[in-house]
């Protein structure tokens, strides 16, 4: 009687244990999902920043090129006037 009783208790404990393990696994999966979403958000923010800085660099470059063109035109004018 007592042997069967203890076996029953063991079975119940095992069930409780496996339920707890399932809950832990679920919460771990949820955390992983959350961190993946956060990583994706960070990545898209970084990509936006990179695009912005690239655009700014292109603008700066074209401004510098314009300045160089203006300078060379002025030099040509000066050279022609001398």
PDB file of N, CA and C in Angstrom:
ATOM      1  N   UNK A   1       0.840  -1.204   0.000  1.00  0.00           N
ATOM      2  CA  UNK A   1       0.000   0.000   0.000  1.00  0.00           C
ATOM      3  C   UNK A   1       0.877   1.258   0.000  1.00  0.00           C
ATOM      4  N   UNK A   2       1.796   1.293   0.952  1.00  0.00           N
ATOM      5  CA  UNK A   2       2.626   2.494   1.055  1.00  0.00           C
ATOM      6  C   UNK A   2       3.520   2.632  -0.180  1.00  0.00           C
ATOM      7  N   UNK A   3       3.952   1.510  -0.755  1.00  0.00           N
ATOM      8  CA  UNK A   3       4.799   1.560  -1.935  1.00  0.00           C
ATOM      9  C   UNK A   3       4.021   2.169  -3.114  1.00  0.00           C
ATOM     10  N   UNK A   4       2.808   1.692  -3.309  1.00  0.00           N
ATOM     11  CA  UNK A   4       1.974   2.220  -4.384  1.00  0.00           C
ATOM     12  C   UNK A   4       1.692   3.702  -4.148  1.00  0.00           C
ATOM     13  N   UNK A   5       1.492   4.063  -2.900  1.00  0.00           N
ATOM     14  CA  UNK A   5       1.212   5.449  -2.547  1.00  0.00           C
ATOM     15  C   UNK A   5       2.396   6.355  -2.903  1.00  0.00           C
ATOM     16  N   UNK A   6       3.596   5.903  -2.557  1.00  0.00           N
ATOM     17  CA  UNK A   6       4.781   6.716  -2.861  1.00  0.00           C
ATOM     18  C   UNK A   6       5.014   6.790  -4.374  1.00  0.00           C
ATOM     19  N   UNK A   7       4.689   5.715  -5.082  1.00  0.00           N
ATOM     20  CA  UNK A   7       4.824   5.745  -6.541  1.00  0.00           C
ATOM     21  C   UNK A   7       3.893   6.808  -7.122  1.00  0.00           C
ATOM     22  N   UNK A   8       2.679   6.864  -6.583  1.00  0.00           N
ATOM     23  CA  UNK A   8       1.706   7.850  -7.044  1.00  0.00           C
ATOM     24  C   UNK A   8       2.237   9.266  -6.825  1.00  0.00           C
ATOM     25  N   UNK A   9       2.799   9.481  -5.635  1.00  0.00           N
ATOM     26  CA  UNK A   9       3.349  10.799  -5.320  1.00  0.00           C
ATOM     27  C   UNK A   9       4.479  11.157  -6.265  1.00  0.00           C
ATOM     28  N   UNK A  10       5.324  10.174  -6.564  1.00  0.00           N
ATOM     29  CA  UNK A  10       6.420  10.418  -7.508  1.00  0.00           C
ATOM     30  C   UNK A  10       5.861  10.851  -8.859  1.00  0.00           C
ATOM     31  N   UNK A  11       4.845  10.143  -9.302  1.00  0.00           N
ATOM     32  CA  UNK A  11       4.224  10.468 -10.586  1.00  0.00           C
ATOM     33  C   UNK A  11       3.690  11.888 -10.591  1.00  0.00           C
ATOM     34  N   UNK A  12       3.035  12.267  -9.487  1.00  0.00           N
ATOM     35  CA  UNK A  12       2.494  13.626  -9.393  1.00  0.00           C
ATOM     36  C   UNK A  12       3.620  14.659  -9.421  1.00  0.00           C
ATOM     37  N   UNK A  13       4.673  14.382  -8.687  1.00  0.00           N
ATOM     38  CA  UNK A  13       5.803  15.317  -8.655  1.00  0.00           C
ATOM     39  C   UNK A  13       6.400  15.480 -10.042  1.00  0.00           C
ATOM     40  N   UNK A  14       6.511  14.360 -10.758  1.00  0.00           N
ATOM     41  CA  UNK A  14       7.065  14.424 -12.108  1.00  0.00           C
ATOM     42  C   UNK A  14       6.201  15.320 -12.988  1.00  0.00           C
ATOM     43  N   UNK A  15       4.888  15.154 -12.875  1.00  0.00           N
ATOM     44  CA  UNK A  15       3.981  15.985 -13.674  1.00  0.00           C
ATOM     45  C   UNK A  15       4.176  17.464 -13.330  1.00  0.00           C
ATOM     46  N   UNK A  16       4.226  17.755 -12.041  1.00  0.00           N
ATOM     47  CA  UNK A  16       4.419  19.145 -11.621  1.00  0.00           C
ATOM     48  C   UNK A  16       5.733  19.692 -12.152  1.00  0.00           C
ATOM     49  N   UNK A  17       6.759  18.861 -12.084  1.00  0.00           N
ATOM     50  CA  UNK A  17       8.079  19.280 -12.561  1.00  0.00           C
ATOM     51  C   UNK A  17       8.032  19.604 -14.054  1.00  0.00           C
ATOM     52  N   UNK A  18       7.433  18.709 -14.818  1.00  0.00           N
ATOM     53  CA  UNK A  18       7.414  18.929 -16.258  1.00  0.00           C
ATOM     54  C   UNK A  18       6.581  20.169 -16.592  1.00  0.00           C
ATOM     55  N   UNK A  19       5.529  20.446 -15.828  1.00  0.00           N
ATOM     56  CA  UNK A  19       4.744  21.666 -16.060  1.00  0.00           C
ATOM     57  C   UNK A  19       5.602  22.898 -15.807  1.00  0.00           C
ATOM     58  N   UNK A  20       6.356  22.867 -14.699  1.00  0.00           N
ATOM     59  CA  UNK A  20       7.232  23.995 -14.392  1.00  0.00           C
ATOM     60  C   UNK A  20       8.266  24.184 -15.492  1.00  0.00           C
ATOM     61  N   UNK A  21       8.819  23.081 -15.953  1.00  0.00           N
ATOM     62  CA  UNK A  21       9.827  23.164 -17.017  1.00  0.00           C
ATOM     63  C   UNK A  21       9.217  23.765 -18.280  1.00  0.00           C
ATOM     64  N   UNK A  22       8.004  23.347 -18.600  1.00  0.00           N
ATOM     65  CA  UNK A  22       7.335  23.894 -19.793  1.00  0.00           C
ATOM     66  C   UNK A  22       7.150  25.397 -19.643  1.00  0.00           C
ATOM     67  N   UNK A  23       6.704  25.824 -18.450  1.00  0.00           N
ATOM     68  CA  UNK A  23       6.504  27.247 -18.218  1.00  0.00           C
ATOM     69  C   UNK A  23       7.821  28.009 -18.364  1.00  0.00           C
ATOM     70  N   UNK A  24       8.901  27.436 -17.816  1.00  0.00           N
ATOM     71  CA  UNK A  24      10.213  28.082 -17.939  1.00  0.00           C
ATOM     72  C   UNK A  24      10.616  28.199 -19.400  1.00  0.00           C
ATOM     73  N   UNK A  25      10.435  27.121 -20.146  1.00  0.00           N
ATOM     74  CA  UNK A  25      10.794  27.145 -21.566  1.00  0.00           C
ATOM     75  C   UNK A  25       9.992  28.212 -22.299  1.00  0.00           C
ATOM     76  N   UNK A  26       8.699  28.288 -21.975  1.00  0.00           N
ATOM     77  CA  UNK A  26       7.855  29.279 -22.628  1.00  0.00           C
ATOM     78  C   UNK A  26       8.355  30.691 -22.340  1.00  0.00           C
ATOM     79  N   UNK A  27       8.635  30.980 -21.087  1.00  0.00           N
ATOM     80  CA  UNK A  27       9.081  32.328 -20.747  1.00  0.00           C
ATOM     81  C   UNK A  27      10.432  32.621 -21.395  1.00  0.00           C
ATOM     82  N   UNK A  28      11.300  31.605 -21.501  1.00  0.00           N
ATOM     83  CA  UNK A  28      12.585  31.805 -22.187  1.00  0.00           C
ATOM     84  C   UNK A  28      12.352  32.125 -23.656  1.00  0.00           C
ATOM     85  N   UNK A  29      11.435  31.390 -24.280  1.00  0.00           N
ATOM     86  CA  UNK A  29      11.136  31.645 -25.694  1.00  0.00           C
ATOM     87  C   UNK A  29      10.591  33.061 -25.873  1.00  0.00           C
ATOM     88  N   UNK A  30       9.719  33.483 -24.964  1.00  0.00           N
ATOM     89  CA  UNK A  30       9.161  34.826 -25.054  1.00  0.00           C
ATOM     90  C   UNK A  30      10.267  35.876 -24.917  1.00  0.00           C
ATOM     91  N   UNK A  31      11.185  35.634 -23.980  1.00  0.00           N
ATOM     92  CA  UNK A  31      12.299  36.566 -23.811  1.00  0.00           C
ATOM     93  C   UNK A  31      13.147  36.626 -25.065  1.00  0.00           C
ATOM     94  N   UNK A  32      13.412  35.464 -25.661  1.00  0.00           N
ATOM     95  CA  UNK A  32      14.216  35.425 -26.887  1.00  0.00           C
ATOM     96  C   UNK A  32      13.516  36.218 -27.986  1.00  0.00           C
ATOM     97  N   UNK A  33      12.206  36.005 -28.094  1.00  0.00           N
ATOM     98  CA  UNK A  33      11.451  36.713 -29.123  1.00  0.00           C
ATOM     99  C   UNK A  33      11.560  38.220 -28.909  1.00  0.00           C
ATOM    100  N   UNK A  34      11.432  38.626 -27.647  1.00  0.00           N
ATOM    101  CA  UNK A  34      11.507  40.043 -27.324  1.00  0.00           C
ATOM    102  C   UNK A  34      12.872  40.606 -27.712  1.00  0.00           C
ATOM    103  N   UNK A  35      13.932  39.907 -27.335  1.00  0.00           N
ATOM    104  CA  UNK A  35      15.273  40.406 -27.631  1.00  0.00           C
ATOM    105  C   UNK A  35      15.498  40.442 -29.145  1.00  0.00           C
ATOM    106  N   UNK A  36      14.931  39.488 -29.882  1.00  0.00           N
ATOM    107  CA  UNK A  36      15.064  39.507 -31.347  1.00  0.00           C
ATOM    108  C   UNK A  36      14.382  40.744 -31.910  1.00  0.00           C
ATOM    109  N   UNK A  37      13.181  41.053 -31.401  1.00  0.00           N
ATOM    110  CA  UNK A  37      12.465  42.234 -31.870  1.00  0.00           C
ATOM    111  C   UNK A  37      13.277  43.491 -31.566  1.00  0.00           C
ATOM    112  N   UNK A  38      13.843  43.545 -30.358  1.00  0.00           N
ATOM    113  CA  UNK A  38      14.654  44.700 -29.988  1.00  0.00           C
ATOM    114  C   UNK A  38      15.862  44.827 -30.912  1.00  0.00           C
ATOM    115  N   UNK A  39      16.493  43.707 -31.224  1.00  0.00           N
ATOM    116  CA  UNK A  39      17.652  43.727 -32.122  1.00  0.00           C
ATOM    117  C   UNK A  39      17.239  44.246 -33.493  1.00  0.00           C
ATOM    118  N   UNK A  40      16.094  43.785 -33.985  1.00  0.00           N
ATOM    119  CA  UNK A  40      15.624  44.242 -35.298  1.00  0.00           C
ATOM    120  C   UNK A  40      15.388  45.744 -35.275  1.00  0.00           C
ATOM    121  N   UNK A  41      14.777  46.240 -34.183  1.00  0.00           N
ATOM    122  CA  UNK A  41      14.542  47.674 -34.068  1.00  0.00           C
ATOM    123  C   UNK A  41      15.868  48.428 -34.086  1.00  0.00           C
ATOM    124  N   UNK A  42      16.827  47.951 -33.295  1.00  0.00           N
ATOM    125  CA  UNK A  42      18.141  48.598 -33.255  1.00  0.00           C
ATOM    126  C   UNK A  42      18.782  48.585 -34.632  1.00  0.00           C
ATOM    127  N   UNK A  43      18.667  47.462 -35.328  1.00  0.00           N
ATOM    128  CA  UNK A  43      19.270  47.354 -36.653  1.00  0.00           C
ATOM    129  C   UNK A  43      18.648  48.369 -37.604  1.00  0.00           C
ATOM    130  N   UNK A  44      17.332  48.464 -37.597  1.00  0.00           N
ATOM    131  CA  UNK A  44      16.688  49.391 -38.525  1.00  0.00           C
ATOM    132  C   UNK A  44      17.061  50.828 -38.168  1.00  0.00           C
ATOM    133  N   UNK A  45      17.199  51.134 -36.873  1.00  0.00           N
ATOM    134  CA  UNK A  45      17.627  52.471 -36.467  1.00  0.00           C
ATOM    135  C   UNK A  45      19.032  52.745 -36.982  1.00  0.00           C
ATOM    136  N   UNK A  46      19.924  51.770 -36.830  1.00  0.00           N
ATOM    137  CA  UNK A  46      21.301  51.936 -37.309  1.00  0.00           C
ATOM    138  C   UNK A  46      21.315  52.139 -38.814  1.00  0.00           C
ATOM    139  N   UNK A  47      20.506  51.369 -39.535  1.00  0.00           N
ATOM    140  CA  UNK A  47      20.454  51.497 -40.994  1.00  0.00           C
ATOM    141  C   UNK A  47      19.982  52.896 -41.377  1.00  0.00           C
ATOM    142  N   UNK A  48      18.963  53.397 -40.668  1.00  0.00           N
ATOM    143  CA  UNK A  48      18.467  54.742 -40.954  1.00  0.00           C
ATOM    144  C   UNK A  48      19.566  55.767 -40.714  1.00  0.00           C
ATOM    145  N   UNK A  49      20.283  55.622 -39.601  1.00  0.00           N
ATOM    146  CA  UNK A  49      21.366  56.543 -39.298  1.00  0.00           C
ATOM    147  C   UNK A  49      22.435  56.483 -40.384  1.00  0.00           C
ATOM    148  N   UNK A  50      22.773  55.281 -40.822  1.00  0.00           N
ATOM    149  CA  UNK A  50      23.788  55.132 -41.868  1.00  0.00           C
ATOM    150  C   UNK A  50      23.324  55.819 -43.152  1.00  0.00           C
ATOM    151  N   UNK A  51      22.068  55.609 -43.507  1.00  0.00           N
ATOM    152  CA  UNK A  51      21.542  56.236 -44.724  1.00  0.00           C
ATOM    153  C   UNK A  51      21.617  57.745 -44.595  1.00  0.00           C
ATOM    154  N   UNK A  52      21.211  58.251 -43.435  1.00  0.00           N
ATOM    155  CA  UNK A  52      21.246  59.692 -43.227  1.00  0.00           C
ATOM    156  C   UNK A  52      22.663  60.218 -43.357  1.00  0.00           C
ATOM    157  N   UNK A  53      23.609  59.571 -42.690  1.00  0.00           N
ATOM    158  CA  UNK A  53      24.988  60.058 -42.736  1.00  0.00           C
ATOM    159  C   UNK A  53      25.533  59.962 -44.166  1.00  0.00           C
ATOM    160  N   UNK A  54      25.147  58.940 -44.913  1.00  0.00           N
ATOM    161  CA  UNK A  54      25.593  58.827 -46.306  1.00  0.00           C
ATOM    162  C   UNK A  54      25.051  60.000 -47.123  1.00  0.00           C
ATOM    163  N   UNK A  55      23.774  60.315 -46.914  1.00  0.00           N
ATOM    164  CA  UNK A  55      23.180  61.438 -47.637  1.00  0.00           C
ATOM    165  C   UNK A  55      23.904  62.733 -47.282  1.00  0.00           C
ATOM    166  N   UNK A  56      24.177  62.908 -45.974  1.00  0.00           N
ATOM    167  CA  UNK A  56      24.881  64.113 -45.547  1.00  0.00           C
ATOM    168  C   UNK A  56      26.263  64.181 -46.185  1.00  0.00           C
ATOM    169  N   UNK A  57      26.956  63.058 -46.227  1.00  0.00           N
ATOM    170  CA  UNK A  57      28.287  63.028 -46.838  1.00  0.00           C
ATOM    171  C   UNK A  57      28.196  63.397 -48.312  1.00  0.00           C
ATOM    172  N   UNK A  58      27.198  62.869 -49.005  1.00  0.00           N
ATOM    173  CA  UNK A  58      27.034  63.178 -50.429  1.00  0.00           C
ATOM    174  C   UNK A  58      26.779  64.675 -50.609  1.00  0.00           C
ATOM    175  N   UNK A  59      25.941  65.250 -49.734  1.00  0.00           N
ATOM    176  CA  UNK A  59      25.662  66.679 -49.815  1.00  0.00           C
ATOM    177  C   UNK A  59      26.942  67.477 -49.602  1.00  0.00           C
ATOM    178  N   UNK A  60      27.704  67.102 -48.582  1.00  0.00           N
ATOM    179  CA  UNK A  60      28.959  67.790 -48.301  1.00  0.00           C
ATOM    180  C   UNK A  60      29.900  67.673 -49.485  1.00  0.00           C
ATOM    181  N   UNK A  61      29.976  66.492 -50.069  1.00  0.00           N
ATOM    182  CA  UNK A  61      30.864  66.284 -51.211  1.00  0.00           C
ATOM    183  C   UNK A  61      30.447  67.184 -52.374  1.00  0.00           C
ATOM    184  N   UNK A  62      29.170  67.223 -52.669  1.00  0.00           N
ATOM    185  CA  UNK A  62      28.727  68.026 -53.813  1.00  0.00           C
ATOM    186  C   UNK A  62      28.970  69.504 -53.527  1.00  0.00           C
ATOM    187  N   UNK A  63      28.800  69.922 -52.259  1.00  0.00           N
ATOM    188  CA  UNK A  63      29.095  71.313 -51.904  1.00  0.00           C
ATOM    189  C   UNK A  63      30.574  71.605 -52.118  1.00  0.00           C
ATOM    190  N   UNK A  64      31.432  70.690 -51.686  1.00  0.00           N
ATOM    191  CA  UNK A  64      32.882  70.866 -51.859  1.00  0.00           C
ATOM    192  C   UNK A  64      33.222  70.924 -53.343  1.00  0.00           C
ATOM    193  N   UNK A  65      32.604  70.074 -54.132  1.00  0.00           N
ATOM    194  CA  UNK A  65      32.868  70.059 -55.573  1.00  0.00           C
ATOM    195  C   UNK A  65      32.461  71.391 -56.189  1.00  0.00           C
ATOM    196  N   UNK A  66      31.317  71.915 -55.754  1.00  0.00           N
ATOM    197  CA  UNK A  66      30.875  73.210 -56.262  1.00  0.00           C
ATOM    198  C   UNK A  66      31.884  74.291 -55.907  1.00  0.00           C
ATOM    199  N   UNK A  67      32.363  74.264 -54.665  1.00  0.00           N
ATOM    200  CA  UNK A  67      33.348  75.252 -54.232  1.00  0.00           C
ATOM    201  C   UNK A  67      34.609  75.147 -55.078  1.00  0.00           C
ATOM    202  N   UNK A  68      35.053  73.929 -55.318  1.00  0.00           N
ATOM    203  CA  UNK A  68      36.259  73.720 -56.130  1.00  0.00           C
ATOM    204  C   UNK A  68      36.023  74.267 -57.537  1.00  0.00           C
ATOM    205  N   UNK A  69      34.859  74.020 -58.101  1.00  0.00           N
ATOM    206  CA  UNK A  69      34.546  74.525 -59.440  1.00  0.00           C
ATOM    207  C   UNK A  69      34.579  76.053 -59.448  1.00  0.00           C
ATOM    208  N   UNK A  70      33.953  76.655 -58.418  1.00  0.00           N
ATOM    209  CA  UNK A  70      33.935  78.116 -58.337  1.00  0.00           C
ATOM    210  C   UNK A  70      35.353  78.658 -58.234  1.00  0.00           C
ATOM    211  N   UNK A  71      36.164  78.010 -57.396  1.00  0.00           N
ATOM    212  CA  UNK A  71      37.545  78.458 -57.225  1.00  0.00           C
ATOM    213  C   UNK A  71      38.291  78.380 -58.549  1.00  0.00           C
ATOM    214  N   UNK A  72      38.139  77.273 -59.264  1.00  0.00           N
ATOM    215  CA  UNK A  72      38.888  77.115 -60.509  1.00  0.00           C
ATOM    216  C   UNK A  72      38.386  78.129 -61.546  1.00  0.00           C
ATOM    217  N   UNK A  73      37.090  78.439 -61.532  1.00  0.00           N
ATOM    218  CA  UNK A  73      36.561  79.449 -62.446  1.00  0.00           C
ATOM    219  C   UNK A  73      37.174  80.803 -62.122  1.00  0.00           C
ATOM    220  N   UNK A  74      37.245  81.117 -60.811  1.00  0.00           N
ATOM    221  CA  UNK A  74      37.834  82.395 -60.397  1.00  0.00           C
ATOM    222  C   UNK A  74      39.300  82.450 -60.818  1.00  0.00           C
ATOM    223  N   UNK A  75      40.006  81.345 -60.661  1.00  0.00           N
ATOM    224  CA  UNK A  75      41.417  81.313 -61.040  1.00  0.00           C
ATOM    225  C   UNK A  75      41.561  81.525 -62.543  1.00  0.00           C
ATOM    226  N   UNK A  76      40.667  80.904 -63.313  1.00  0.00           N
ATOM    227  CA  UNK A  76      40.718  81.066 -64.770  1.00  0.00           C
ATOM    228  C   UNK A  76      40.462  82.534 -65.112  1.00  0.00           C
ATOM    229  N   UNK A  77      39.467  83.140 -64.443  1.00  0.00           N
ATOM    230  CA  UNK A  77      39.165  84.553 -64.690  1.00  0.00           C
ATOM    231  C   UNK A  77      40.363  85.421 -64.327  1.00  0.00           C
ATOM    232  N   UNK A  78      40.969  85.136 -63.177  1.00  0.00           N
ATOM    233  CA  UNK A  78      42.142  85.888 -62.727  1.00  0.00           C
ATOM    234  C   UNK A  78      43.290  85.704 -63.723  1.00  0.00           C
ATOM    235  N   UNK A  79      43.449  84.437 -64.116  1.00  0.00           N
ATOM    236  CA  UNK A  79      44.544  84.143 -65.051  1.00  0.00           C
ATOM    237  C   UNK A  79      44.328  84.865 -66.366  1.00  0.00           C
ATOM    238  N   UNK A  80      43.088  84.936 -66.815  1.00  0.00           N
ATOM    239  CA  UNK A  80      42.783  85.612 -68.073  1.00  0.00           C
ATOM    240  C   UNK A  80      42.933  87.111 -67.932  1.00  0.00           C
ATOM    241  N   UNK A  81      42.644  87.661 -66.745  1.00  0.00           N
ATOM    242  CA  UNK A  81      42.712  89.105 -66.536  1.00  0.00           C
ATOM    243  C   UNK A  81      44.160  89.555 -66.413  1.00  0.00           C
ATOM    244  N   UNK A  82      45.041  88.717 -65.925  1.00  0.00           N
ATOM    245  CA  UNK A  82      46.428  89.160 -65.716  1.00  0.00           C
ATOM    246  C   UNK A  82      47.188  89.386 -66.993  1.00  0.00           C
TER     247      UNK A  82
END
